[in-house]
Protein backbone atom coordinates (compact mmCIF):
# COMPACT_ATOMS: atom_id res chain seq x y z
CA MET A 1 0.00 0.00 0.00
CA GLY A 2 1.30 3.44 -0.91
CA CYS A 3 1.27 6.45 1.36
CA GLY A 4 0.61 10.15 0.80
CA ARG A 5 1.07 13.02 3.20
CA LEU A 6 -0.29 16.36 4.33
CA ALA A 7 2.50 18.71 5.38
CA PRO A 8 1.31 22.09 6.69
CA SER A 9 3.91 24.61 7.76
CA PRO A 10 2.78 26.55 10.85
CA THR A 11 4.43 29.84 9.92
CA GLY A 12 1.00 31.47 9.68
CA ALA A 13 -2.64 30.75 9.00
CA GLN A 14 -3.68 28.29 6.30
CA HIS A 15 -5.47 29.89 3.34
CA LEU A 16 -7.48 28.87 0.27
CA GLY A 17 -4.39 27.90 -1.70
CA ASN A 18 -3.28 25.56 1.07
CA ALA A 19 -6.77 24.08 1.28
CA ARG A 20 -6.84 23.28 -2.43
CA THR A 21 -3.47 21.48 -2.28
CA TYR A 22 -4.45 19.51 0.85
CA LEU A 23 -7.71 18.42 -0.76
CA LEU A 24 -5.94 17.27 -3.92
CA ALA A 25 -3.45 15.28 -1.82
CA TYR A 26 -6.32 13.74 0.16
CA TRP A 27 -8.34 12.80 -2.92
CA ALA A 28 -5.31 11.38 -4.73
CA ALA A 29 -4.27 9.19 -1.81
CA ARG A 30 -7.73 7.85 -1.04
CA ASN A 31 -8.61 7.35 -4.73
CA GLU A 32 -5.52 5.15 -5.07
CA GLY A 33 -6.14 3.26 -1.82
CA GLN A 34 -3.18 4.84 -0.03
CA ARG A 35 -2.65 5.71 3.59
CA LEU A 36 -2.33 9.41 4.41
CA LEU A 37 -0.11 10.88 7.12
CA LEU A 38 -0.15 14.33 8.69
CA ARG A 39 3.28 15.88 9.30
CA VAL A 40 3.60 19.37 10.73
CA GLU A 41 6.72 20.96 9.24
CA ASP A 42 7.70 23.10 12.22
CA ILE A 43 11.47 22.87 11.81
CA ASP A 44 11.69 26.50 10.59
CA SER A 45 11.72 27.66 14.22
CA PRO A 46 12.20 31.45 13.86
CA ARG A 47 9.07 31.76 11.71
CA VAL A 48 6.85 29.15 13.38
CA LYS A 49 3.78 30.49 15.20
CA PRO A 50 2.85 28.18 18.11
CA TRP A 51 -0.88 28.79 17.64
CA ALA A 52 -0.69 27.86 13.95
CA ILE A 53 -0.08 24.15 14.59
CA GLN A 54 -3.44 23.45 16.20
CA GLN A 55 -5.18 25.84 13.83
CA ALA A 56 -3.84 23.91 10.81
CA ILE A 57 -5.14 20.67 12.31
CA ASP A 58 -8.52 22.30 13.00
CA ASP A 59 -8.65 23.62 9.42
CA LEU A 60 -8.00 20.18 7.94
CA ARG A 61 -10.66 18.58 10.10
CA TRP A 62 -13.14 21.33 9.24
CA LEU A 63 -12.58 20.70 5.52
CA GLY A 64 -13.48 17.04 6.07
CA ILE A 65 -9.98 15.68 5.37
CA GLU A 66 -9.19 12.45 7.18
CA TRP A 67 -5.70 11.08 7.75
CA ASP A 68 -4.22 8.00 9.36
CA GLU A 69 -2.46 7.85 12.68
CA GLY A 70 1.26 8.45 12.77
CA PRO A 71 3.00 5.53 14.52
CA ASP A 72 3.98 6.07 18.16
CA MET A 73 2.67 9.63 18.17
CA GLY A 74 0.54 9.37 21.30
CA GLY A 75 -3.09 9.37 20.30
CA PRO A 76 -5.50 8.80 17.44
CA HIS A 77 -4.69 10.74 14.28
CA ALA A 78 -1.80 12.56 15.96
CA PRO A 79 0.57 14.32 13.56
CA TYR A 80 4.28 13.92 13.17
CA LEU A 81 6.22 16.99 14.32
CA GLN A 82 9.57 17.68 12.70
CA THR A 83 10.88 19.27 15.88
CA GLU A 84 10.59 15.84 17.53
CA ARG A 85 12.86 14.32 14.88
CA ARG A 86 15.96 16.51 15.23
CA ASP A 87 18.14 13.56 16.21
CA ARG A 88 17.30 11.84 12.93
CA TYR A 89 18.38 14.90 10.95
CA GLU A 90 21.65 15.22 12.86
CA ILE A 91 22.51 11.61 12.05
CA ALA A 92 21.84 12.30 8.36
CA VAL A 93 24.11 15.37 8.44
CA GLN A 94 26.93 13.30 9.91
CA THR A 95 26.40 10.62 7.26
CA LEU A 96 26.74 13.24 4.52
CA VAL A 97 29.85 14.75 6.15
CA GLU A 98 31.58 11.37 6.29
CA ALA A 99 30.72 10.76 2.63
CA ASN A 100 32.14 14.21 1.70
CA GLN A 101 28.74 15.08 0.21
CA ILE A 102 28.57 18.36 2.12
CA TYR A 103 31.05 21.05 3.14
CA PRO A 104 31.11 23.99 5.57
CA CYS A 105 30.30 27.30 3.88
CA THR A 106 30.94 30.70 5.49
CA CYS A 107 29.59 32.76 2.56
CA THR A 108 26.86 35.33 3.14
CA ARG A 109 23.95 36.00 0.83
CA ARG A 110 25.71 39.19 -0.23
CA ASP A 111 28.84 37.19 -1.14
CA ILE A 112 26.78 34.91 -3.37
CA ALA A 113 24.83 37.77 -4.95
CA ASP A 114 28.05 39.64 -5.71
CA ALA A 115 29.33 36.61 -7.62
CA GLY A 116 26.71 37.45 -10.22
CA SER A 117 25.76 33.96 -11.46
CA ALA A 118 22.35 34.00 -13.13
CA PRO A 119 19.86 31.30 -12.01
CA HIS A 120 18.11 29.01 -14.47
CA PHE A 121 14.94 28.76 -12.40
CA GLU A 122 12.97 31.90 -11.74
CA HIS A 123 12.96 33.14 -8.12
CA GLU A 124 15.72 30.70 -7.15
CA GLY A 125 18.40 33.33 -6.65
CA PRO A 126 21.97 33.31 -7.97
CA LEU A 127 23.94 30.08 -8.20
CA TYR A 128 26.46 29.43 -5.47
CA PRO A 129 29.92 30.07 -6.98
CA GLY A 130 31.68 27.22 -5.14
CA THR A 131 33.82 29.47 -2.96
CA CYS A 132 34.07 26.99 -0.07
CA ALA A 133 33.69 23.76 -2.05
CA ALA A 134 37.39 22.77 -1.84
CA TRP A 135 36.91 21.59 1.76
CA SER A 136 37.28 17.82 2.31
CA VAL A 137 36.70 15.50 5.26
CA GLY A 138 39.55 15.96 7.71
CA ASP A 139 40.15 19.62 6.91
CA PRO A 140 39.72 22.12 9.80
CA LEU A 141 36.23 23.45 10.41
CA PRO A 142 35.46 27.18 10.63
CA ASP A 143 34.43 28.61 13.98
CA PRO A 144 31.02 27.39 15.24
CA GLY A 145 28.17 29.63 14.19
CA THR A 146 30.05 30.98 11.15
CA TYR A 147 29.13 28.30 8.63
CA CYS A 148 26.29 26.24 7.22
CA TRP A 149 26.65 22.80 5.66
CA ARG A 150 26.22 22.98 1.89
CA PHE A 151 25.39 19.99 -0.33
CA ARG A 152 27.48 19.13 -3.39
CA VAL A 153 25.16 18.60 -6.37
CA ARG A 154 26.10 16.49 -9.37
CA ASP A 155 27.07 17.98 -12.70
CA GLU A 156 24.73 15.72 -14.66
CA VAL A 157 21.12 15.67 -15.78
CA VAL A 158 18.53 14.64 -13.19
CA ALA A 159 15.03 13.82 -14.46
CA PHE A 160 11.64 12.68 -13.19
CA ASP A 161 8.07 12.36 -14.44
CA ASP A 162 5.68 14.65 -12.62
CA GLN A 163 2.04 13.53 -12.41
CA VAL A 164 0.87 17.04 -13.26
CA CYS A 165 3.71 18.83 -15.06
CA GLY A 166 5.01 15.87 -17.06
CA PHE A 167 8.65 15.08 -17.78
CA GLN A 168 11.10 17.37 -15.97
CA GLN A 169 14.88 17.52 -16.19
CA CYS A 170 17.66 19.71 -14.88
CA ASN A 171 21.40 19.74 -14.36
CA PRO A 172 21.58 20.79 -10.68
CA ALA A 173 25.18 22.00 -10.90
CA GLN A 174 24.43 24.31 -13.83
CA HIS A 175 20.90 25.44 -12.96
CA LEU A 176 20.62 25.36 -9.15
CA GLY A 177 24.06 25.12 -7.57
CA ASP A 178 25.17 23.66 -4.24
CA PHE A 179 22.60 24.39 -1.54
CA PRO A 180 22.50 24.60 2.28
CA ILE A 181 21.09 21.74 4.33
CA THR A 182 21.62 23.58 7.63
CA GLN A 183 21.63 27.19 8.75
CA LYS A 184 24.64 28.81 10.39
CA SER A 185 22.77 28.48 13.68
CA GLY A 186 22.81 24.72 13.19
CA ASN A 187 19.08 24.45 12.47
CA ILE A 188 18.21 21.90 9.80
CA SER A 189 16.92 23.10 6.44
CA TYR A 190 13.56 22.23 4.93
CA HIS A 191 15.30 20.31 2.15
CA LEU A 192 17.02 17.75 4.35
CA ALA A 193 14.12 17.38 6.79
CA VAL A 194 11.49 16.74 4.14
CA VAL A 195 13.59 14.20 2.22
CA LEU A 196 14.50 12.24 5.33
CA ASP A 197 10.93 12.35 6.64
CA ASP A 198 9.42 11.18 3.37
CA GLY A 199 11.90 8.31 3.19
CA GLU A 200 11.55 7.12 6.78
CA MET A 201 7.76 7.50 6.78
CA GLY A 202 7.38 5.47 3.60
CA ILE A 203 5.85 8.29 1.57
CA THR A 204 5.26 7.15 -2.01
CA GLN A 205 3.39 10.20 -3.34
CA VAL A 206 4.14 13.89 -2.73
CA VAL A 207 1.50 16.44 -3.75
CA ARG A 208 2.54 20.09 -3.38
CA GLY A 209 2.52 23.46 -5.12
CA ASP A 210 4.40 23.87 -8.38
CA ASP A 211 6.51 26.66 -6.86
CA LEU A 212 8.47 23.81 -5.24
CA LEU A 213 9.21 22.05 -8.52
CA PRO A 214 12.86 23.31 -8.67
CA SER A 215 13.38 22.05 -5.12
CA THR A 216 12.48 18.54 -6.26
CA PHE A 217 15.81 18.28 -8.08
CA ARG A 218 17.55 19.11 -4.80
CA HIS A 219 15.44 16.50 -3.03
CA LEU A 220 16.29 13.87 -5.62
CA GLU A 221 19.97 14.67 -5.10
CA LEU A 222 19.64 14.26 -1.32
CA ALA A 223 17.63 11.06 -1.68
CA ASN A 224 20.31 9.63 -3.94
CA ALA A 225 23.08 10.52 -1.46
CA LEU A 226 21.17 9.09 1.52
CA ARG A 227 20.01 5.99 -0.41
CA ILE A 228 16.37 6.88 0.14
CA GLU A 229 13.66 5.56 -2.17
CA LYS A 230 12.16 8.40 -4.18
CA PRO A 231 8.39 9.08 -4.12
CA ALA A 232 6.23 10.04 -7.08
CA TYR A 233 5.71 13.80 -7.36
CA ALA A 234 2.68 15.86 -8.35
CA HIS A 235 3.22 19.62 -8.44
CA VAL A 236 -0.16 21.34 -8.63
CA PRO A 237 -0.77 24.91 -9.84
CA LEU A 238 -0.83 27.64 -7.23
CA VAL A 239 -3.80 29.75 -6.25
CA LEU A 240 -3.10 33.40 -7.03
CA GLY A 241 -4.68 36.74 -6.22
CA PRO A 242 -6.27 38.97 -8.90
CA ASP A 243 -2.87 40.62 -9.51
CA GLY A 244 -1.33 37.28 -10.52
CA ARG A 245 0.77 36.98 -7.35
CA ARG A 246 0.45 34.23 -4.75
CA LEU A 247 -2.23 34.76 -2.12
CA ALA A 248 -1.36 37.24 0.62
CA LYS A 249 -3.04 39.74 2.93
CA ARG A 250 -3.14 42.30 0.13
CA HIS A 251 -5.76 40.13 -1.62
CA GLY A 252 -8.20 40.20 1.28
CA ASP A 253 -8.65 37.69 4.06
CA THR A 254 -8.56 34.20 2.53
CA ARG A 255 -7.58 32.46 5.77
CA LEU A 256 -9.62 29.32 6.35
CA SER A 257 -10.19 30.32 9.97
CA HIS A 258 -11.63 33.66 8.82
CA LEU A 259 -13.90 32.06 6.23
CA ARG A 260 -15.12 29.62 8.86
CA GLU A 261 -15.91 32.51 11.23
CA GLN A 262 -17.79 34.27 8.42
CA GLY A 263 -20.09 31.28 8.04
CA VAL A 264 -18.66 29.89 4.81
CA SER A 265 -19.29 26.14 4.80
CA PRO A 266 -16.48 23.62 4.23
CA GLU A 267 -18.56 22.14 1.42
CA ARG A 268 -18.38 25.51 -0.33
CA ILE A 269 -14.58 25.46 -0.17
CA VAL A 270 -14.48 21.86 -1.37
CA GLY A 271 -16.80 22.60 -4.29
CA TRP A 272 -14.68 25.57 -5.34
CA ALA A 273 -11.48 23.54 -5.07
CA ALA A 274 -12.87 20.68 -7.15
CA ALA A 275 -14.20 22.98 -9.88
CA SER A 276 -11.05 25.11 -10.01
CA ALA A 277 -9.00 21.94 -10.42
CA GLY A 278 -11.15 20.80 -13.34
CA LEU A 279 -12.58 17.80 -11.48
CA THR A 280 -16.18 19.06 -11.66
CA ASP A 281 -18.04 21.34 -14.06
CA HIS A 282 -19.68 23.51 -11.38
CA ASP A 283 -18.56 24.75 -7.97
CA THR A 284 -21.57 23.20 -6.23
CA PRO A 285 -20.92 22.63 -2.52
CA ILE A 286 -19.93 19.03 -1.83
CA PRO A 287 -18.38 17.11 1.10
CA ALA A 288 -14.68 16.33 0.75
CA LYS A 289 -15.19 12.56 0.97
CA ALA A 290 -17.68 12.64 -1.92
CA MET A 291 -14.94 13.73 -4.35
CA ILE A 292 -12.63 10.75 -3.78
CA GLN A 293 -14.10 8.56 -6.50
CA GLN A 294 -14.22 11.46 -8.98
CA PHE A 295 -10.53 12.31 -8.64
CA CYS A 296 -8.39 11.85 -11.77
CA TRP A 297 -4.93 13.30 -12.46
CA GLN A 298 -5.66 13.43 -16.18
CA ARG A 299 -8.53 15.89 -15.62
CA LEU A 300 -6.54 18.26 -13.44
CA ASN A 301 -6.07 21.80 -14.77
CA ARG A 302 -2.46 22.70 -15.51
CA PHE A 303 -2.83 26.45 -14.98
CA ALA A 304 -2.85 28.67 -11.91
CA VAL A 305 -6.16 29.62 -10.32
CA VAL A 306 -7.05 33.23 -9.57
CA VAL A 307 -9.31 33.82 -6.59
CA ALA A 308 -10.42 36.56 -4.20
CA GLU A 309 -12.15 36.38 -0.83
CA SER A 310 -15.38 37.64 -2.39
CA ASP A 311 -15.52 34.60 -4.71
CA LEU A 312 -16.58 32.43 -1.80
CA GLN A 313 -19.08 34.72 -0.10
């Protein structure tokens, strides 16, 4: 049996765009007879809002999304928390150090920007110029707190078939560059945490926004280095505001908690999500569970969805 996952990040309130992605992940997993795990990605400690963890869980339940219990997590349907898995990440870092797959990097963002390398992927920032890459296992380490660990990517084509976007390929060395897997503070990066979690939790299908498509090449590189089995990926179009930019406060209040307080029904959100994804012809309110049998990747729209708060009033 395969396994999908829901992975909210509690750096703020969940909004309509998040809801649409969670619903698609839920429908895809249940349609294919897979288990579904809930993992709260709270490793980004400086930005995490303590109240946002429970609110994300409440939002998912309100939408009618059901998930399976995480093993040994202390209660029915309890989520995994990344902050409870720090020891696993530290072991992975040490494994990569010993394999000379990562190196300490003291460069600042300004140092990298001044190098002037143009990125291949939009919004990915300049490529790392390799300033610190000569380090090898056994060489002295910089002073604690002055460096991150940076992963050495391969200078060869990496490819995968996306269930939404189709065939994708990239040469990570030429288009993305070496990337950090820790911060200078020692905190673990999203990239390492998510790859290790997906591997150890037996995730076979990852459904997420298509803004993360470039990161998938990084994740494939990490999975290869850590000998982790790779899941299938489905990068779904984002939900945008009327100005064509991703949803934010400037577009009105599209928080699920706000819509719930305003009396908008979860069935209304589900109906909108299904219609905007191309799974139904009309945005008629419908319970989340009722859409499981109608889900089909081949029917899914491949373009971004534009929405405003008033669309659901």
